[in-house]
Amino acid sequence: MREERAEVESVITELRDALARAGIILPSLGLDLVSYAHRTMPPLVELGRCNMDTARRLAKVLGER
C-alpha cells in the first residue's frame, strides 16, 4: 500500500508541475482518500475544483496539444 501511495503522489507531483509550466494551478489537486482506502480499486487523483478562468486556460492548453 505504501508503494501505491508513493506512486500516486509521484504522479500528482508530475501533473502539478506540468500544469504549472502551462500556467495552471489546481489548488485541490491531490490523492482521493476514499479511493485510496478502497481495497479493490486503484487510488484516484482528485483534480478538484477550479474557477472559470482556470477551466478556460486548461481547455485552451489541452486544445493546443
Protein backbone atom coordinates (compact mmCIF):
# COMPACT_ATOMS: atom_id res chain seq x y z
CA MET A 1 0.00 0.00 0.00
CA ARG A 2 2.89 2.38 0.73
CA GLU A 3 4.35 1.75 -2.74
CA GLU A 4 0.99 2.56 -4.31
CA ARG A 5 0.74 5.77 -2.28
CA ALA A 6 4.25 6.80 -3.28
CA GLU A 7 3.42 6.13 -6.93
CA VAL A 8 0.21 8.17 -6.91
CA GLU A 9 1.95 11.02 -5.05
CA SER A 10 4.66 10.98 -7.72
CA VAL A 11 2.03 11.17 -10.47
CA ILE A 12 0.33 14.06 -8.67
CA THR A 13 3.63 15.94 -8.45
CA GLU A 14 4.32 15.28 -12.12
CA LEU A 15 0.87 16.55 -13.08
CA ARG A 16 1.12 19.59 -10.79
CA ASP A 17 4.50 20.51 -12.32
CA ALA A 18 3.23 20.08 -15.89
CA LEU A 19 0.17 22.20 -15.17
CA ALA A 20 2.33 24.88 -13.53
CA ARG A 21 4.53 25.04 -16.65
CA ALA A 22 1.33 25.74 -18.60
CA GLY A 23 0.38 28.45 -16.10
CA ILE A 24 -2.40 26.42 -14.48
CA ILE A 25 -2.80 25.78 -10.78
CA LEU A 26 -5.45 23.38 -9.46
CA PRO A 27 -5.49 24.11 -5.72
CA SER A 28 -7.40 20.94 -4.85
CA LEU A 29 -5.17 18.58 -6.86
CA GLY A 30 -4.36 15.58 -4.67
CA LEU A 31 -5.00 11.99 -3.69
CA ASP A 32 -8.64 10.93 -3.45
CA LEU A 33 -8.64 9.40 0.03
CA VAL A 34 -11.84 7.42 -0.45
CA SER A 35 -10.38 5.52 -3.41
CA TYR A 36 -7.08 5.11 -1.57
CA ALA A 37 -8.89 3.40 1.31
CA HIS A 38 -10.78 1.09 -1.06
CA ARG A 39 -9.33 -2.41 -1.18
CA THR A 40 -10.07 -3.39 -4.77
CA MET A 41 -9.83 -0.23 -6.85
CA PRO A 42 -6.65 1.71 -7.58
CA PRO A 43 -6.24 5.15 -5.99
CA LEU A 44 -7.65 8.06 -7.96
CA VAL A 45 -6.19 11.52 -8.45
CA GLU A 46 -8.61 14.21 -7.31
CA LEU A 47 -8.39 17.12 -9.74
CA GLY A 48 -10.60 19.20 -7.53
CA ARG A 49 -12.44 22.40 -8.21
CA CYS A 50 -11.22 25.45 -10.08
CA ASN A 51 -12.60 28.81 -11.12
CA MET A 52 -13.85 29.53 -14.64
CA ASP A 53 -10.66 31.32 -15.67
CA THR A 54 -8.57 28.28 -14.76
CA ALA A 55 -11.01 25.96 -16.54
CA ARG A 56 -10.76 28.11 -19.69
CA ARG A 57 -6.96 28.13 -19.55
CA LEU A 58 -6.92 24.37 -19.07
CA ALA A 59 -9.26 23.86 -22.02
CA LYS A 60 -7.09 26.14 -24.16
CA VAL A 61 -3.88 24.32 -23.26
CA LEU A 62 -5.46 20.94 -23.94
CA GLY A 63 -6.87 22.19 -27.23
CA GLU A 64 -3.40 23.31 -28.34
CA ARG A 65 -1.97 19.79 -27.98
